[in-house]
Protein backbone atom coordinates (compact mmCIF):
# COMPACT_ATOMS: atom_id res chain seq x y z
CA UNK A 1 95.93 105.26 94.30
CA UNK A 2 92.25 105.14 93.61
CA UNK A 3 90.03 107.32 91.42
CA UNK A 4 86.33 107.66 92.25
CA UNK A 5 83.42 109.90 91.49
CA UNK A 6 83.38 112.91 93.78
CA UNK A 7 80.75 113.96 96.32
CA UNK A 8 81.65 117.58 95.44
CA UNK A 9 80.30 116.72 91.99
CA UNK A 10 76.71 116.99 93.20
CA UNK A 11 76.96 120.78 92.68
CA UNK A 12 79.14 120.71 89.54
CA UNK A 13 79.03 119.32 86.01
CA UNK A 14 82.10 117.11 86.51
CA UNK A 15 84.03 115.65 89.42
CA UNK A 16 86.27 112.87 90.60
CA UNK A 17 88.46 111.94 93.50
CA UNK A 18 91.74 110.19 94.08
CA UNK A 19 93.53 108.98 97.18
CA UNK A 20 96.86 107.62 98.31
CA UNK A 21 98.13 105.91 101.42
CA UNK A 22 101.24 107.45 102.95
CA UNK A 23 103.59 105.60 105.28
CA UNK A 24 103.88 108.39 107.83
CA UNK A 25 101.99 109.73 110.86
CA UNK A 26 99.18 112.18 110.17
CA UNK A 27 100.98 115.12 111.83
CA UNK A 28 104.03 114.60 109.60
CA UNK A 29 101.82 114.56 106.49
CA UNK A 30 99.94 117.64 107.70
CA UNK A 31 103.20 119.55 108.23
CA UNK A 32 103.84 119.42 104.47
CA UNK A 33 100.23 119.79 103.34
CA UNK A 34 99.56 122.87 105.49
CA UNK A 35 102.46 124.69 103.78
CA UNK A 36 99.86 125.79 101.22
CA UNK A 37 102.01 128.40 99.47
CA UNK A 38 104.89 126.05 98.67
CA UNK A 39 102.99 123.46 96.66
CA UNK A 40 105.57 123.84 93.87
CA UNK A 41 108.13 121.95 96.01
CA UNK A 42 106.21 118.68 95.68
CA UNK A 43 103.61 119.02 92.89
CA UNK A 44 105.27 118.23 89.54
CA UNK A 45 102.70 120.22 87.53
CA UNK A 46 103.25 123.44 89.52
CA UNK A 47 106.46 125.18 88.46
CA UNK A 48 106.02 128.18 90.79
CA UNK A 49 103.69 129.15 93.64
CA UNK A 50 103.47 131.92 96.20
CA UNK A 51 100.99 133.38 98.64
CA UNK A 52 98.61 136.19 97.78
CA UNK A 53 97.85 138.60 100.59
CA UNK A 54 98.71 138.29 104.26
CA UNK A 55 96.51 135.35 105.30
CA UNK A 56 98.20 131.98 105.72
CA UNK A 57 96.92 128.60 106.84
CA UNK A 58 93.37 129.84 107.34
CA UNK A 59 90.15 130.49 105.51
CA UNK A 60 90.73 133.25 102.94
CA UNK A 61 94.41 132.43 102.41
CA UNK A 62 95.30 132.38 98.72
CA UNK A 63 98.12 131.31 96.44
CA UNK A 64 99.11 131.87 92.83
CA UNK A 65 100.33 128.81 90.92
CA UNK A 66 102.15 128.76 87.60
CA UNK A 67 101.30 125.45 85.96
CA UNK A 68 103.87 123.69 83.81
CA UNK A 69 101.47 122.86 80.96
CA UNK A 70 98.46 125.14 81.40
CA UNK A 71 99.22 128.73 82.41
CA UNK A 72 98.42 130.08 85.86
CA UNK A 73 95.67 129.87 88.47
CA UNK A 74 94.80 131.41 91.82
CA UNK A 75 93.49 129.23 94.63
CA UNK A 76 91.62 130.53 97.69
CA UNK A 77 90.94 128.49 100.83
CA UNK A 78 87.23 128.36 101.66
CA UNK A 79 87.49 125.87 104.54
CA UNK A 80 90.45 125.12 106.83
CA UNK A 81 90.41 122.24 109.32
CA UNK A 82 93.66 122.41 111.26
CA UNK A 83 95.47 119.08 111.16
CA UNK A 84 92.79 117.52 108.94
CA UNK A 85 92.61 119.26 105.56
CA UNK A 86 91.18 122.13 103.58
CA UNK A 87 88.98 123.08 100.64
CA UNK A 88 89.86 125.71 98.06
CA UNK A 89 88.39 127.31 94.97
CA UNK A 90 90.37 127.55 91.74
CA UNK A 91 90.24 130.43 89.28
CA UNK A 92 88.99 129.67 85.75
CA UNK A 93 91.48 128.04 83.38
CA UNK A 94 90.68 127.21 79.78
CA UNK A 95 87.23 125.61 79.74
CA UNK A 96 87.33 124.86 83.50
CA UNK A 97 85.17 127.12 85.63
CA UNK A 98 83.94 127.22 89.24
CA UNK A 99 86.47 124.56 90.25
CA UNK A 100 86.82 123.41 93.84
CA UNK A 101 89.13 120.90 95.51
CA UNK A 102 89.02 119.29 98.96
CA UNK A 103 92.12 117.68 100.53
CA UNK A 104 91.48 115.49 103.59
CA UNK A 105 93.83 113.46 105.81
CA UNK A 106 92.60 110.29 107.49
CA UNK A 107 94.65 108.51 110.12
CA UNK A 108 94.70 104.80 109.28
CA UNK A 109 96.94 104.02 112.24
CA UNK A 110 99.79 105.74 114.11
CA UNK A 111 102.19 105.35 111.14
CA UNK A 112 99.86 105.39 108.11
CA UNK A 113 97.78 108.26 106.72
CA UNK A 114 95.41 108.31 103.77
CA UNK A 115 95.11 111.49 101.71
CA UNK A 116 91.82 111.87 99.86
CA UNK A 117 91.41 114.59 97.24
CA UNK A 118 88.14 115.59 95.60
CA UNK A 119 88.01 117.84 92.56
CA UNK A 120 84.88 119.21 90.88
CA UNK A 121 84.25 121.81 88.21
CA UNK A 122 81.97 123.22 85.55
CA UNK A 123 82.70 123.77 81.87
CA UNK A 124 82.48 127.19 80.21
CA UNK A 125 82.70 128.32 76.57
CA UNK A 126 79.63 126.34 75.45
CA UNK A 127 80.28 123.70 72.79
CA UNK A 128 83.93 124.76 72.35
CA UNK A 129 84.60 124.25 76.05
CA UNK A 130 82.88 120.87 76.03
CA UNK A 131 84.97 119.83 73.04
CA UNK A 132 88.24 120.97 74.70
CA UNK A 133 87.22 119.16 77.87
CA UNK A 134 86.40 115.91 76.11
CA UNK A 135 89.46 115.90 73.84
CA UNK A 136 92.16 117.14 76.21
CA UNK A 137 91.33 118.45 79.67
CA UNK A 138 89.47 115.53 81.25
CA UNK A 139 92.21 113.03 80.39
CA UNK A 140 94.89 115.42 81.63
CA UNK A 141 93.04 115.99 84.91
CA UNK A 142 92.40 112.29 85.47
CA UNK A 143 96.10 111.48 85.05
CA UNK A 144 97.63 114.55 86.73
CA UNK A 145 95.83 114.22 90.08
CA UNK A 146 97.11 110.67 90.79
CA UNK A 147 100.59 111.77 89.62
CA UNK A 148 100.44 114.71 92.02
CA UNK A 149 99.38 112.45 94.89
CA UNK A 150 102.20 110.04 94.10
CA UNK A 151 104.68 112.95 94.18
CA UNK A 152 103.21 114.13 97.51
CA UNK A 153 103.56 110.60 98.92
CA UNK A 154 107.20 110.51 97.76
CA UNK A 155 107.82 113.93 99.32
CA UNK A 156 106.58 112.71 102.69
CA UNK A 157 108.16 109.26 102.65
CA UNK A 158 111.57 110.23 101.22
CA UNK A 159 111.85 113.96 102.04
CA UNK A 160 112.78 114.60 98.39
CA UNK A 161 111.56 117.88 96.89
CA UNK A 162 110.47 118.13 93.26
CA UNK A 163 111.90 121.67 93.28
CA UNK A 164 114.01 123.42 95.92
CA UNK A 165 112.53 126.14 98.10
CA UNK A 166 112.94 129.66 96.66
CA UNK A 167 112.67 133.08 98.25
CA UNK A 168 108.96 133.83 97.73
CA UNK A 169 109.38 137.41 98.99
CA UNK A 170 111.15 138.32 95.75
CA UNK A 171 108.69 136.36 93.62
CA UNK A 172 105.65 137.94 95.29
CA UNK A 173 106.96 141.46 94.78
CA UNK A 174 107.30 140.79 91.06
CA UNK A 175 103.49 140.40 90.71
């Protein structure tokens, strides 16, 4: 996995990207990635997730994610490229504000796919937010994204879920 500075960063205060190579055809990788609402089944930092509203797998679709270490966020798709990837905004969390993430699949060959993820954000709460970012958040973000991509790679290559599927109908009605 590789970490680089993000092109999304040009419009934000901070940004980076990470990628991983997955030993699977692009359509097999997409089949898991496009299941936007069930990110909790493969992302170790997301303990619960479910859809918000009726849109799915399209621009405007949204999900709510309970994060293991940070609280909860809502994510809304702003761009959907069927079979290729998507971009979504992320609700504010701690000092992070105006966050955006772009997930893109690139076919290396018939059996290998590269997943590239860009993440960019601004900092809120003035000096306090900058301090929180520098002391805690940046390091956590820089380590959690590659860990998440590794877990996604394992999900695709082994079929192993981080968490089993749950009935999201019951979860969604609780909110």
